[in-house]
Amino acid sequence: MKKCLHCIQRVALISALAHEPKILIMDEPFVGLDPKAVFDVKKVMNEMIKDGKIIFFSTHILDVAEKLCSKVAIIKNGKLIKTGSMKNIKGDKSLEKVFLELEG
């Protein structure tokens, strides 16, 4: 049977959330999901945060990180180069602009 990334990603997310963890660590949780599934995952993440749970997730989609995260860490070549609250890291700029400045 041919497996699709979308199905595998959904099963992985359901498995991670089923036991209602206090801390959740995810790597690129939105890859392979359709827009409705992305919306649903973001909703669940926001509900978890409101319940006092902690979510660590890595992403290359900086506008999503900017909207969802209260804290951020930027890693370059395996080294932590910037960390702090989203407000302190980005100031009046977008997270994308800050990241590109750090990369340059």
N, C-alpha and C. Protein backbone atom coordinates (compact mmCIF):
# COMPACT_ATOMS: atom_id res chain seq x y z
N MET A 1 0.83 -1.16 0.00
CA MET A 1 0.00 0.00 0.00
C MET A 1 0.89 1.25 0.00
N LYS A 2 0.54 2.19 -0.84
CA LYS A 2 1.31 3.43 -0.96
C LYS A 2 0.94 4.38 0.18
N LYS A 3 1.95 4.90 0.88
CA LYS A 3 1.73 5.81 1.99
C LYS A 3 1.91 7.24 1.52
N CYS A 4 1.07 8.12 2.02
CA CYS A 4 1.23 9.53 1.66
C CYS A 4 1.74 10.30 2.88
N LEU A 5 2.53 11.32 2.63
CA LEU A 5 3.10 12.15 3.70
C LEU A 5 2.00 12.75 4.56
N HIS A 6 0.94 13.19 3.91
CA HIS A 6 -0.19 13.81 4.62
C HIS A 6 -0.73 12.85 5.68
N CYS A 7 -0.94 11.59 5.31
CA CYS A 7 -1.50 10.60 6.24
C CYS A 7 -0.51 10.29 7.37
N ILE A 8 0.74 10.14 7.03
CA ILE A 8 1.77 9.84 8.03
C ILE A 8 1.88 10.99 9.03
N GLN A 9 1.87 12.22 8.53
CA GLN A 9 1.98 13.39 9.40
C GLN A 9 0.78 13.47 10.34
N ARG A 10 -0.41 13.20 9.83
CA ARG A 10 -1.61 13.23 10.67
C ARG A 10 -1.54 12.18 11.78
N VAL A 11 -1.13 10.98 11.44
CA VAL A 11 -1.02 9.90 12.43
C VAL A 11 0.03 10.27 13.48
N ALA A 12 1.14 10.83 13.06
CA ALA A 12 2.19 11.24 14.00
C ALA A 12 1.67 12.31 14.96
N LEU A 13 0.94 13.28 14.45
CA LEU A 13 0.40 14.34 15.30
C LEU A 13 -0.64 13.80 16.27
N ILE A 14 -1.52 12.95 15.78
CA ILE A 14 -2.54 12.36 16.65
C ILE A 14 -1.88 11.54 17.75
N SER A 15 -0.86 10.78 17.38
CA SER A 15 -0.14 9.97 18.37
C SER A 15 0.54 10.84 19.42
N ALA A 16 1.11 11.96 19.00
CA ALA A 16 1.80 12.86 19.93
C ALA A 16 0.83 13.55 20.87
N LEU A 17 -0.38 13.82 20.40
CA LEU A 17 -1.34 14.57 21.20
C LEU A 17 -2.27 13.69 22.02
N ALA A 18 -2.38 12.42 21.68
CA ALA A 18 -3.38 11.53 22.29
C ALA A 18 -3.26 11.44 23.81
N HIS A 19 -2.07 11.46 24.34
CA HIS A 19 -1.89 11.32 25.79
C HIS A 19 -1.83 12.67 26.52
N GLU A 20 -2.20 13.73 25.82
CA GLU A 20 -2.26 15.08 26.39
C GLU A 20 -0.98 15.45 27.15
N PRO A 21 0.13 15.53 26.42
CA PRO A 21 1.42 15.81 27.08
C PRO A 21 1.48 17.22 27.66
N LYS A 22 2.29 17.39 28.70
CA LYS A 22 2.52 18.71 29.28
C LYS A 22 3.56 19.47 28.47
N ILE A 23 4.47 18.72 27.84
CA ILE A 23 5.49 19.29 26.98
C ILE A 23 5.45 18.55 25.65
N LEU A 24 5.44 19.30 24.56
CA LEU A 24 5.38 18.72 23.23
C LEU A 24 6.54 19.26 22.40
N ILE A 25 7.27 18.36 21.76
CA ILE A 25 8.38 18.75 20.90
C ILE A 25 8.07 18.26 19.50
N MET A 26 8.06 19.20 18.54
CA MET A 26 7.71 18.85 17.16
C MET A 26 8.72 19.45 16.19
N ASP A 27 9.00 18.72 15.14
CA ASP A 27 9.89 19.19 14.08
C ASP A 27 9.06 19.38 12.82
N GLU A 28 8.96 20.60 12.35
CA GLU A 28 8.20 20.94 11.14
C GLU A 28 6.81 20.29 11.15
N PRO A 29 5.98 20.64 12.13
CA PRO A 29 4.68 19.96 12.28
C PRO A 29 3.69 20.20 11.15
N PHE A 30 3.90 21.21 10.31
CA PHE A 30 2.92 21.53 9.29
C PHE A 30 3.25 20.97 7.91
N VAL A 31 4.43 20.36 7.78
CA VAL A 31 4.85 19.81 6.48
C VAL A 31 3.90 18.69 6.07
N GLY A 32 3.43 18.77 4.85
CA GLY A 32 2.59 17.72 4.30
C GLY A 32 1.12 17.81 4.67
N LEU A 33 0.74 18.83 5.43
CA LEU A 33 -0.66 18.96 5.83
C LEU A 33 -1.39 19.93 4.90
N ASP A 34 -2.67 19.67 4.70
CA ASP A 34 -3.49 20.58 3.91
C ASP A 34 -3.86 21.78 4.79
N PRO A 35 -4.36 22.86 4.19
CA PRO A 35 -4.65 24.08 4.96
C PRO A 35 -5.61 23.86 6.14
N LYS A 36 -6.59 23.01 6.00
CA LYS A 36 -7.53 22.74 7.09
C LYS A 36 -6.82 22.05 8.25
N ALA A 37 -5.97 21.08 7.95
CA ALA A 37 -5.23 20.38 9.00
C ALA A 37 -4.26 21.33 9.70
N VAL A 38 -3.61 22.22 8.95
CA VAL A 38 -2.70 23.21 9.55
C VAL A 38 -3.49 24.10 10.51
N PHE A 39 -4.65 24.54 10.09
CA PHE A 39 -5.52 25.37 10.94
C PHE A 39 -5.86 24.62 12.22
N ASP A 40 -6.24 23.36 12.09
CA ASP A 40 -6.62 22.54 13.25
C ASP A 40 -5.44 22.35 14.21
N VAL A 41 -4.26 22.09 13.66
CA VAL A 41 -3.08 21.90 14.51
C VAL A 41 -2.75 23.19 15.25
N LYS A 42 -2.81 24.32 14.57
CA LYS A 42 -2.54 25.60 15.23
C LYS A 42 -3.55 25.86 16.35
N LYS A 43 -4.79 25.50 16.12
CA LYS A 43 -5.84 25.67 17.13
C LYS A 43 -5.53 24.81 18.35
N VAL A 44 -5.15 23.57 18.13
CA VAL A 44 -4.80 22.67 19.24
C VAL A 44 -3.59 23.22 19.99
N MET A 45 -2.59 23.69 19.25
CA MET A 45 -1.39 24.25 19.89
C MET A 45 -1.76 25.44 20.78
N ASN A 46 -2.59 26.34 20.27
CA ASN A 46 -3.00 27.51 21.06
C ASN A 46 -3.78 27.10 22.30
N GLU A 47 -4.64 26.07 22.19
CA GLU A 47 -5.38 25.58 23.34
C GLU A 47 -4.43 24.99 24.38
N MET A 48 -3.41 24.26 23.93
CA MET A 48 -2.43 23.69 24.84
C MET A 48 -1.69 24.79 25.60
N ILE A 49 -1.31 25.83 24.89
CA ILE A 49 -0.59 26.95 25.52
C ILE A 49 -1.48 27.63 26.56
N LYS A 50 -2.75 27.82 26.22
CA LYS A 50 -3.69 28.43 27.18
C LYS A 50 -3.84 27.57 28.42
N ASP A 51 -3.68 26.25 28.27
CA ASP A 51 -3.77 25.33 29.40
C ASP A 51 -2.46 25.22 30.17
N GLY A 52 -1.46 26.05 29.81
CA GLY A 52 -0.20 26.08 30.53
C GLY A 52 0.81 25.03 30.08
N LYS A 53 0.56 24.42 28.94
CA LYS A 53 1.50 23.42 28.43
C LYS A 53 2.58 24.11 27.61
N ILE A 54 3.67 23.41 27.38
CA ILE A 54 4.83 23.96 26.69
C ILE A 54 4.99 23.26 25.35
N ILE A 55 5.22 24.04 24.31
CA ILE A 55 5.43 23.48 22.97
C ILE A 55 6.74 24.02 22.42
N PHE A 56 7.63 23.11 22.05
CA PHE A 56 8.84 23.44 21.31
C PHE A 56 8.61 22.95 19.89
N PHE A 57 8.80 23.81 18.91
CA PHE A 57 8.74 23.30 17.55
C PHE A 57 9.71 24.05 16.66
N SER A 58 10.26 23.29 15.71
CA SER A 58 11.18 23.90 14.75
C SER A 58 10.42 24.11 13.45
N THR A 59 10.76 25.19 12.78
CA THR A 59 10.12 25.47 11.50
C THR A 59 10.99 26.41 10.68
N HIS A 60 10.86 26.28 9.39
CA HIS A 60 11.50 27.22 8.47
C HIS A 60 10.47 28.24 7.98
N ILE A 61 9.23 28.10 8.41
CA ILE A 61 8.17 29.02 8.01
C ILE A 61 8.09 30.09 9.09
N LEU A 62 8.84 31.16 8.87
CA LEU A 62 9.03 32.16 9.91
C LEU A 62 7.79 32.96 10.25
N ASP A 63 6.89 33.17 9.29
CA ASP A 63 5.68 33.91 9.63
C ASP A 63 4.78 33.10 10.55
N VAL A 64 4.81 31.77 10.44
CA VAL A 64 4.05 30.91 11.36
C VAL A 64 4.67 31.01 12.76
N ALA A 65 5.98 30.93 12.83
CA ALA A 65 6.67 31.06 14.13
C ALA A 65 6.35 32.41 14.76
N GLU A 66 6.35 33.44 13.95
CA GLU A 66 6.09 34.79 14.45
C GLU A 66 4.69 34.90 15.04
N LYS A 67 3.72 34.22 14.43
CA LYS A 67 2.34 34.28 14.90
C LYS A 67 2.09 33.39 16.11
N LEU A 68 2.79 32.27 16.20
CA LEU A 68 2.49 31.28 17.23
C LEU A 68 3.38 31.34 18.47
N CYS A 69 4.59 31.82 18.31
CA CYS A 69 5.58 31.68 19.39
C CYS A 69 5.71 32.94 20.25
N SER A 70 5.91 32.70 21.54
CA SER A 70 6.19 33.81 22.44
C SER A 70 7.70 33.97 22.64
N LYS A 71 8.43 32.88 22.43
CA LYS A 71 9.89 32.91 22.51
C LYS A 71 10.47 32.27 21.26
N VAL A 72 11.71 32.65 20.93
CA VAL A 72 12.33 32.15 19.71
C VAL A 72 13.82 31.92 19.94
N ALA A 73 14.34 30.95 19.24
CA ALA A 73 15.78 30.71 19.22
C ALA A 73 16.18 30.54 17.77
N ILE A 74 17.21 31.25 17.35
CA ILE A 74 17.69 31.15 15.97
C ILE A 74 19.03 30.43 15.99
N ILE A 75 19.11 29.39 15.18
CA ILE A 75 20.30 28.55 15.13
C ILE A 75 20.93 28.69 13.75
N LYS A 76 22.25 28.86 13.73
CA LYS A 76 23.00 28.96 12.48
C LYS A 76 24.17 28.00 12.57
N ASN A 77 24.29 27.14 11.59
CA ASN A 77 25.38 26.15 11.56
C ASN A 77 25.49 25.37 12.87
N GLY A 78 24.33 25.01 13.42
CA GLY A 78 24.31 24.21 14.64
C GLY A 78 24.59 24.97 15.92
N LYS A 79 24.72 26.29 15.83
CA LYS A 79 25.01 27.10 17.02
C LYS A 79 23.88 28.09 17.28
N LEU A 80 23.52 28.21 18.53
CA LEU A 80 22.50 29.15 18.95
C LEU A 80 23.07 30.57 18.84
N ILE A 81 22.48 31.39 17.98
CA ILE A 81 23.03 32.73 17.78
C ILE A 81 22.13 33.84 18.34
N LYS A 82 20.87 33.53 18.60
CA LYS A 82 19.96 34.55 19.14
C LYS A 82 18.80 33.83 19.84
N THR A 83 18.46 34.30 21.02
CA THR A 83 17.35 33.72 21.75
C THR A 83 16.70 34.78 22.62
N GLY A 84 15.41 34.64 22.82
CA GLY A 84 14.69 35.57 23.68
C GLY A 84 13.22 35.61 23.34
N SER A 85 12.53 36.58 23.90
CA SER A 85 11.11 36.72 23.60
C SER A 85 10.96 37.18 22.15
N MET A 86 9.86 36.82 21.55
CA MET A 86 9.62 37.22 20.16
C MET A 86 9.68 38.73 20.04
N LYS A 87 9.10 39.42 21.01
CA LYS A 87 9.08 40.89 20.98
C LYS A 87 10.50 41.46 21.01
N ASN A 88 11.35 40.93 21.88
CA ASN A 88 12.73 41.43 21.98
C ASN A 88 13.58 41.08 20.77
N ILE A 89 13.37 39.91 20.22
CA ILE A 89 14.17 39.48 19.06
C ILE A 89 13.83 40.29 17.83
N LYS A 90 12.54 40.47 17.55
CA LYS A 90 12.18 41.11 16.29
C LYS A 90 11.95 42.61 16.38
N GLY A 91 11.63 43.12 17.55
CA GLY A 91 11.38 44.56 17.66
C GLY A 91 10.30 44.99 16.69
N ASP A 92 10.61 45.98 15.86
CA ASP A 92 9.64 46.48 14.87
C ASP A 92 9.76 45.76 13.53
N LYS A 93 10.69 44.84 13.42
CA LYS A 93 10.92 44.12 12.16
C LYS A 93 10.13 42.83 12.14
N SER A 94 10.12 42.20 10.98
CA SER A 94 9.55 40.85 10.90
C SER A 94 10.63 39.86 11.32
N LEU A 95 10.21 38.70 11.77
CA LEU A 95 11.17 37.66 12.14
C LEU A 95 12.00 37.27 10.92
N GLU A 96 11.39 37.27 9.78
CA GLU A 96 12.10 36.95 8.53
C GLU A 96 13.24 37.93 8.29
N LYS A 97 12.97 39.22 8.48
CA LYS A 97 14.01 40.23 8.28
C LYS A 97 15.15 40.06 9.28
N VAL A 98 14.82 39.79 10.54
CA VAL A 98 15.85 39.57 11.56
C VAL A 98 16.69 38.37 11.17
N PHE A 99 16.04 37.28 10.78
CA PHE A 99 16.76 36.06 10.39
C PHE A 99 17.70 36.33 9.22
N LEU A 100 17.21 37.02 8.21
CA LEU A 100 18.05 37.31 7.02
C LEU A 100 19.22 38.21 7.38
N GLU A 101 19.02 39.15 8.29
CA GLU A 101 20.13 40.00 8.74
C GLU A 101 21.19 39.16 9.47
N LEU A 102 20.75 38.22 10.28
CA LEU A 102 21.67 37.36 11.01
C LEU A 102 22.41 36.41 10.08
N GLU A 103 21.75 35.99 9.03
CA GLU A 103 22.35 35.10 8.05
C GLU A 103 23.40 35.82 7.20
N GLY A 104 23.17 37.11 6.95
CA GLY A 104 24.05 37.90 6.09
C GLY A 104 25.33 38.18 6.74
